[in-house]
Amino acid sequence: MRLSLISSALLLIGGDAIAGAPRVEPSDAAHADIGTQIVRFVSGVAGYARWPNASDTYRLCIAGESAYLRNAPARLSRIGDRVWPVREIALDEADPTAGCDLLYLGALSIAQKRQLLAETGGRPILTISEDNPECADASMFCLTIRDGNISLLANLDSISRSGIRIDPKVLQLARRRQPSP
């Protein structure tokens, strides 16, 4: 029950964060396709994040294949009052995360994720991993997708080290990553 409340609440937040988007009611959220829900999750988290150096334009970088974010660049190009150019990054670039403000990690090997997340160290880059139920890597937020439902997990350690302020409303909605035994 708690996970569905988290999903519905973040969909509402994400719906409000997209400029000109109508408010999403919980009954509509249950019928939305997963891609739309993920776009709303990303929009919601990004819309309630504050980077140390404010800008009118932020860059969203997508690494790895995402079965859910096909055609997302058009839907994610504007979040709230910010412009978000979207680019897919190649892992063989010299510095693939350069210029990224938000890094969305799709299907990648564990080693590739670790490499990209290590490259974000010391820079204010909001990181979201797709289909990562344990959030065991250094991503700030992890999405879990099960049976058409999406939940959000927050890695408070990574968030606190990022330099990005996340609105407490988002943090209250997300489950916290449990420390490893």
C-alpha atoms as a PDB file:
ATOM      1  CA  MET A   1       0.000   0.000   0.000  1.00  0.00           C
ATOM      2  CA  ARG A   2       2.812   2.419   0.912  1.00  0.00           C
ATOM      3  CA  LEU A   3       4.548   1.890  -2.444  1.00  0.00           C
ATOM      4  CA  SER A   4       1.409   2.710  -4.400  1.00  0.00           C
ATOM      5  CA  LEU A   5       0.989   5.886  -2.320  1.00  0.00           C
ATOM      6  CA  ILE A   6       4.583   6.839  -3.105  1.00  0.00           C
ATOM      7  CA  SER A   7       4.015   6.189  -6.802  1.00  0.00           C
ATOM      8  CA  SER A   8       0.781   8.190  -6.907  1.00  0.00           C
ATOM      9  CA  ALA A   9       2.207  11.093  -4.918  1.00  0.00           C
ATOM     10  CA  LEU A  10       5.330  11.382  -7.068  1.00  0.00           C
ATOM     11  CA  LEU A  11       3.214  11.199 -10.195  1.00  0.00           C
ATOM     12  CA  LEU A  12       1.270  14.154  -8.841  1.00  0.00           C
ATOM     13  CA  ILE A  13       4.486  16.041  -8.080  1.00  0.00           C
ATOM     14  CA  GLY A  14       5.928  15.190 -11.505  1.00  0.00           C
ATOM     15  CA  GLY A  15       2.711  16.248 -13.198  1.00  0.00           C
ATOM     16  CA  ASP A  16       2.910  19.632 -11.472  1.00  0.00           C
ATOM     17  CA  ALA A  17       6.581  20.029 -12.389  1.00  0.00           C
ATOM     18  CA  ILE A  18       5.998  19.731 -16.132  1.00  0.00           C
ATOM     19  CA  ALA A  19       5.137  23.132 -17.531  1.00  0.00           C
ATOM     20  CA  GLY A  20       1.572  23.291 -18.681  1.00  0.00           C
ATOM     21  CA  ALA A  21       0.838  19.682 -17.765  1.00  0.00           C
ATOM     22  CA  PRO A  22      -2.562  18.916 -16.299  1.00  0.00           C
ATOM     23  CA  ARG A  23      -2.739  17.596 -12.765  1.00  0.00           C
ATOM     24  CA  VAL A  24      -2.643  13.792 -12.725  1.00  0.00           C
ATOM     25  CA  GLU A  25      -5.269  12.161 -10.559  1.00  0.00           C
ATOM     26  CA  PRO A  26      -4.449   8.821  -8.897  1.00  0.00           C
ATOM     27  CA  SER A  27      -7.026   6.957 -10.979  1.00  0.00           C
ATOM     28  CA  ASP A  28      -5.320   8.206 -14.157  1.00  0.00           C
ATOM     29  CA  ALA A  29      -1.879   7.302 -12.812  1.00  0.00           C
ATOM     30  CA  ALA A  30      -2.837   3.648 -12.468  1.00  0.00           C
ATOM     31  CA  HIS A  31      -3.568   3.490 -16.188  1.00  0.00           C
ATOM     32  CA  ALA A  32      -0.546   5.462 -17.402  1.00  0.00           C
ATOM     33  CA  ASP A  33       2.102   3.485 -19.204  1.00  0.00           C
ATOM     34  CA  ILE A  34       5.402   2.905 -17.415  1.00  0.00           C
ATOM     35  CA  GLY A  35       7.318   5.268 -19.703  1.00  0.00           C
ATOM     36  CA  THR A  36       4.983   8.124 -18.865  1.00  0.00           C
ATOM     37  CA  GLN A  37       5.238   7.318 -15.166  1.00  0.00           C
ATOM     38  CA  ILE A  38       9.047   7.325 -15.324  1.00  0.00           C
ATOM     39  CA  VAL A  39       9.074  10.654 -17.171  1.00  0.00           C
ATOM     40  CA  ARG A  40       6.894  12.029 -14.381  1.00  0.00           C
ATOM     41  CA  PHE A  41       9.143  10.584 -11.681  1.00  0.00           C
ATOM     42  CA  VAL A  42      12.237  12.126 -13.280  1.00  0.00           C
ATOM     43  CA  SER A  43      10.394  15.411 -13.787  1.00  0.00           C
ATOM     44  CA  GLY A  44       9.158  15.386 -10.203  1.00  0.00           C
ATOM     45  CA  VAL A  45      12.563  14.745  -8.671  1.00  0.00           C
ATOM     46  CA  ALA A  46      14.322  17.252 -10.959  1.00  0.00           C
ATOM     47  CA  GLY A  47      11.608  19.847 -10.445  1.00  0.00           C
ATOM     48  CA  TYR A  48      12.168  19.755  -6.688  1.00  0.00           C
ATOM     49  CA  ALA A  49      15.979  19.776  -6.832  1.00  0.00           C
ATOM     50  CA  ARG A  50      18.124  22.882  -6.361  1.00  0.00           C
ATOM     51  CA  TRP A  51      21.653  22.931  -7.745  1.00  0.00           C
ATOM     52  CA  PRO A  52      24.351  25.041  -6.058  1.00  0.00           C
ATOM     53  CA  ASN A  53      24.613  27.264  -9.142  1.00  0.00           C
ATOM     54  CA  ALA A  54      21.151  28.078 -10.467  1.00  0.00           C
ATOM     55  CA  SER A  55      20.707  28.108 -14.221  1.00  0.00           C
ATOM     56  CA  ASP A  56      17.906  28.518 -16.737  1.00  0.00           C
ATOM     57  CA  THR A  57      19.151  25.490 -18.659  1.00  0.00           C
ATOM     58  CA  TYR A  58      20.148  22.111 -17.281  1.00  0.00           C
ATOM     59  CA  ARG A  59      21.320  19.054 -19.235  1.00  0.00           C
ATOM     60  CA  LEU A  60      19.804  15.596 -18.833  1.00  0.00           C
ATOM     61  CA  CYS A  61      22.129  12.794 -19.892  1.00  0.00           C
ATOM     62  CA  ILE A  62      20.894   9.268 -20.502  1.00  0.00           C
ATOM     63  CA  ALA A  63      23.357   6.372 -20.293  1.00  0.00           C
ATOM     64  CA  GLY A  64      22.505   2.855 -21.389  1.00  0.00           C
ATOM     65  CA  GLU A  65      19.373   1.502 -22.973  1.00  0.00           C
ATOM     66  CA  SER A  66      16.111   2.415 -21.351  1.00  0.00           C
ATOM     67  CA  ALA A  67      13.132   0.373 -22.388  1.00  0.00           C
ATOM     68  CA  TYR A  68      10.951   2.981 -20.723  1.00  0.00           C
ATOM     69  CA  LEU A  69      12.369   6.294 -21.935  1.00  0.00           C
ATOM     70  CA  ARG A  70      11.905   5.847 -25.679  1.00  0.00           C
ATOM     71  CA  ASN A  71      10.822   9.211 -27.084  1.00  0.00           C
ATOM     72  CA  ALA A  72      11.534  10.739 -23.681  1.00  0.00           C
ATOM     73  CA  PRO A  73      13.751  13.569 -24.935  1.00  0.00           C
ATOM     74  CA  ALA A  74      10.717  15.392 -26.307  1.00  0.00           C
ATOM     75  CA  ARG A  75       8.764  14.843 -23.082  1.00  0.00           C
ATOM     76  CA  LEU A  76      11.690  15.763 -20.805  1.00  0.00           C
ATOM     77  CA  SER A  77      12.951  18.823 -22.688  1.00  0.00           C
ATOM     78  CA  ARG A  78      11.151  21.161 -20.292  1.00  0.00           C
ATOM     79  CA  ILE A  79      10.723  20.512 -16.579  1.00  0.00           C
ATOM     80  CA  GLY A  80       8.981  23.230 -14.642  1.00  0.00           C
ATOM     81  CA  ASP A  81      10.434  26.553 -15.705  1.00  0.00           C
ATOM     82  CA  ARG A  82      13.736  25.021 -16.835  1.00  0.00           C
ATOM     83  CA  VAL A  83      14.907  23.965 -20.283  1.00  0.00           C
ATOM     84  CA  TRP A  84      16.468  20.484 -20.303  1.00  0.00           C
ATOM     85  CA  PRO A  85      18.463  19.577 -23.420  1.00  0.00           C
ATOM     86  CA  VAL A  86      18.672  15.780 -23.509  1.00  0.00           C
ATOM     87  CA  ARG A  87      21.605  13.801 -24.837  1.00  0.00           C
ATOM     88  CA  GLU A  88      22.528  10.173 -24.848  1.00  0.00           C
ATOM     89  CA  ILE A  89      26.069   9.635 -23.669  1.00  0.00           C
ATOM     90  CA  ALA A  90      28.551   7.123 -24.996  1.00  0.00           C
ATOM     91  CA  LEU A  91      30.592   5.236 -22.436  1.00  0.00           C
ATOM     92  CA  ASP A  92      33.738   5.554 -24.533  1.00  0.00           C
ATOM     93  CA  GLU A  93      33.747   9.367 -24.360  1.00  0.00           C
ATOM     94  CA  ALA A  94      36.719  10.948 -22.572  1.00  0.00           C
ATOM     95  CA  ASP A  95      34.460  12.449 -19.876  1.00  0.00           C
ATOM     96  CA  PRO A  96      30.932  11.181 -20.539  1.00  0.00           C
ATOM     97  CA  THR A  97      29.319  13.030 -17.614  1.00  0.00           C
ATOM     98  CA  ALA A  98      30.830  16.436 -18.470  1.00  0.00           C
ATOM     99  CA  GLY A  99      28.084  18.999 -18.784  1.00  0.00           C
ATOM    100  CA  CYS A 100      25.441  16.727 -17.221  1.00  0.00           C
ATOM    101  CA  ASP A 101      23.217  18.056 -14.456  1.00  0.00           C
ATOM    102  CA  LEU A 102      21.041  14.944 -14.264  1.00  0.00           C
ATOM    103  CA  LEU A 103      22.309  11.479 -15.174  1.00  0.00           C
ATOM    104  CA  TYR A 104      19.710   8.795 -15.871  1.00  0.00           C
ATOM    105  CA  LEU A 105      21.186   5.290 -15.865  1.00  0.00           C
ATOM    106  CA  GLY A 106      19.335   2.714 -17.940  1.00  0.00           C
ATOM    107  CA  ALA A 107      20.418  -0.868 -18.567  1.00  0.00           C
ATOM    108  CA  LEU A 108      24.165  -0.984 -17.905  1.00  0.00           C
ATOM    109  CA  SER A 109      26.506  -3.510 -16.376  1.00  0.00           C
ATOM    110  CA  ILE A 110      27.432  -3.013 -12.729  1.00  0.00           C
ATOM    111  CA  ALA A 111      30.952  -2.007 -13.770  1.00  0.00           C
ATOM    112  CA  GLN A 112      29.630   0.591 -16.237  1.00  0.00           C
ATOM    113  CA  LYS A 113      27.310   2.086 -13.618  1.00  0.00           C
ATOM    114  CA  ARG A 114      30.125   2.244 -11.080  1.00  0.00           C
ATOM    115  CA  GLN A 115      32.403   3.936 -13.608  1.00  0.00           C
ATOM    116  CA  LEU A 116      29.837   6.598 -14.512  1.00  0.00           C
ATOM    117  CA  LEU A 117      28.861   7.224 -10.897  1.00  0.00           C
ATOM    118  CA  ALA A 118      32.524   7.532  -9.900  1.00  0.00           C
ATOM    119  CA  GLU A 119      32.941  10.196 -12.591  1.00  0.00           C
ATOM    120  CA  THR A 120      30.139  12.250 -11.031  1.00  0.00           C
ATOM    121  CA  GLY A 121      31.995  12.457  -7.708  1.00  0.00           C
ATOM    122  CA  GLY A 122      32.616  16.014  -6.584  1.00  0.00           C
ATOM    123  CA  ARG A 123      30.169  17.445  -9.131  1.00  0.00           C
ATOM    124  CA  PRO A 124      26.528  18.361  -8.494  1.00  0.00           C
ATOM    125  CA  ILE A 125      24.926  15.771 -10.777  1.00  0.00           C
ATOM    126  CA  LEU A 126      21.557  14.321  -9.792  1.00  0.00           C
ATOM    127  CA  THR A 127      21.635  10.573 -10.514  1.00  0.00           C
ATOM    128  CA  ILE A 128      18.684   8.250 -11.077  1.00  0.00           C
ATOM    129  CA  SER A 129      19.059   4.519 -11.799  1.00  0.00           C
ATOM    130  CA  GLU A 130      16.399   2.532 -13.588  1.00  0.00           C
ATOM    131  CA  ASP A 131      15.125  -0.781 -12.218  1.00  0.00           C
ATOM    132  CA  ASN A 132      17.497  -0.842  -9.255  1.00  0.00           C
ATOM    133  CA  PRO A 133      15.553  -2.351  -6.314  1.00  0.00           C
ATOM    134  CA  GLU A 134      18.382  -2.234  -3.753  1.00  0.00           C
ATOM    135  CA  CYS A 135      19.950   1.074  -4.781  1.00  0.00           C
ATOM    136  CA  ALA A 136      23.257  -0.575  -3.903  1.00  0.00           C
ATOM    137  CA  ASP A 137      25.312   1.711  -6.121  1.00  0.00           C
ATOM    138  CA  ALA A 138      25.974   5.399  -5.504  1.00  0.00           C
ATOM    139  CA  SER A 139      22.860   6.643  -7.316  1.00  0.00           C
ATOM    140  CA  MET A 140      20.893   9.294  -5.472  1.00  0.00           C
ATOM    141  CA  PHE A 141      17.550   7.835  -6.523  1.00  0.00           C
ATOM    142  CA  CYS A 142      16.639   4.397  -7.813  1.00  0.00           C
ATOM    143  CA  LEU A 143      13.470   3.325  -9.560  1.00  0.00           C
ATOM    144  CA  THR A 144      11.997  -0.120  -8.995  1.00  0.00           C
ATOM    145  CA  ILE A 145       9.564  -1.395 -11.596  1.00  0.00           C
ATOM    146  CA  ARG A 146       7.385  -4.378 -10.676  1.00  0.00           C
ATOM    147  CA  ASP A 147       4.075  -5.469 -12.155  1.00  0.00           C
ATOM    148  CA  GLY A 148       3.472  -2.085 -13.761  1.00  0.00           C
ATOM    149  CA  ASN A 149       4.127  -0.208 -10.507  1.00  0.00           C
ATOM    150  CA  ILE A 150       7.056   2.099  -9.944  1.00  0.00           C
ATOM    151  CA  SER A 151       8.547   2.994  -6.603  1.00  0.00           C
ATOM    152  CA  LEU A 152      11.347   5.349  -5.696  1.00  0.00           C
ATOM    153  CA  LEU A 153      14.224   4.629  -3.355  1.00  0.00           C
ATOM    154  CA  ALA A 154      16.452   7.418  -2.002  1.00  0.00           C
ATOM    155  CA  ASN A 155      20.119   7.001  -1.132  1.00  0.00           C
ATOM    156  CA  LEU A 156      20.483   9.717   1.523  1.00  0.00           C
ATOM    157  CA  ASP A 157      24.263   9.314   1.705  1.00  0.00           C
ATOM    158  CA  SER A 158      24.663  10.054  -2.012  1.00  0.00           C
ATOM    159  CA  ILE A 159      22.168  12.911  -1.833  1.00  0.00           C
ATOM    160  CA  SER A 160      23.992  14.552   1.066  1.00  0.00           C
ATOM    161  CA  ARG A 161      27.355  14.376  -0.764  1.00  0.00           C
ATOM    162  CA  SER A 162      26.018  15.720  -4.068  1.00  0.00           C
ATOM    163  CA  GLY A 163      25.673  19.389  -3.165  1.00  0.00           C
ATOM    164  CA  ILE A 164      22.150  19.332  -4.622  1.00  0.00           C
ATOM    165  CA  ARG A 165      19.301  20.231  -2.294  1.00  0.00           C
ATOM    166  CA  ILE A 166      16.294  17.976  -2.636  1.00  0.00           C
ATOM    167  CA  ASP A 167      12.968  19.239  -1.346  1.00  0.00           C
ATOM    168  CA  PRO A 168      11.949  17.293   1.772  1.00  0.00           C
ATOM    169  CA  LYS A 169       8.573  16.527   0.141  1.00  0.00           C
ATOM    170  CA  VAL A 170      10.333  14.204  -2.308  1.00  0.00           C
ATOM    171  CA  LEU A 171      12.486  12.631   0.395  1.00  0.00           C
ATOM    172  CA  GLN A 172       9.440  11.907   2.544  1.00  0.00           C
ATOM    173  CA  LEU A 173       7.798  10.070  -0.346  1.00  0.00           C
ATOM    174  CA  ALA A 174      10.771   7.881  -1.164  1.00  0.00           C
ATOM    175  CA  ARG A 175      11.787   4.810   0.763  1.00  0.00           C
ATOM    176  CA  ARG A 176      15.245   5.050   2.294  1.00  0.00           C
ATOM    177  CA  ARG A 177      17.975   2.660   1.214  1.00  0.00           C
ATOM    178  CA  GLN A 178      18.775   0.315   4.086  1.00  0.00           C
ATOM    179  CA  PRO A 179      22.484   0.057   4.958  1.00  0.00           C
ATOM    180  CA  SER A 180      24.148  -3.231   4.059  1.00  0.00           C
ATOM    181  CA  PRO A 181      24.723  -5.607   7.024  1.00  0.00           C
END
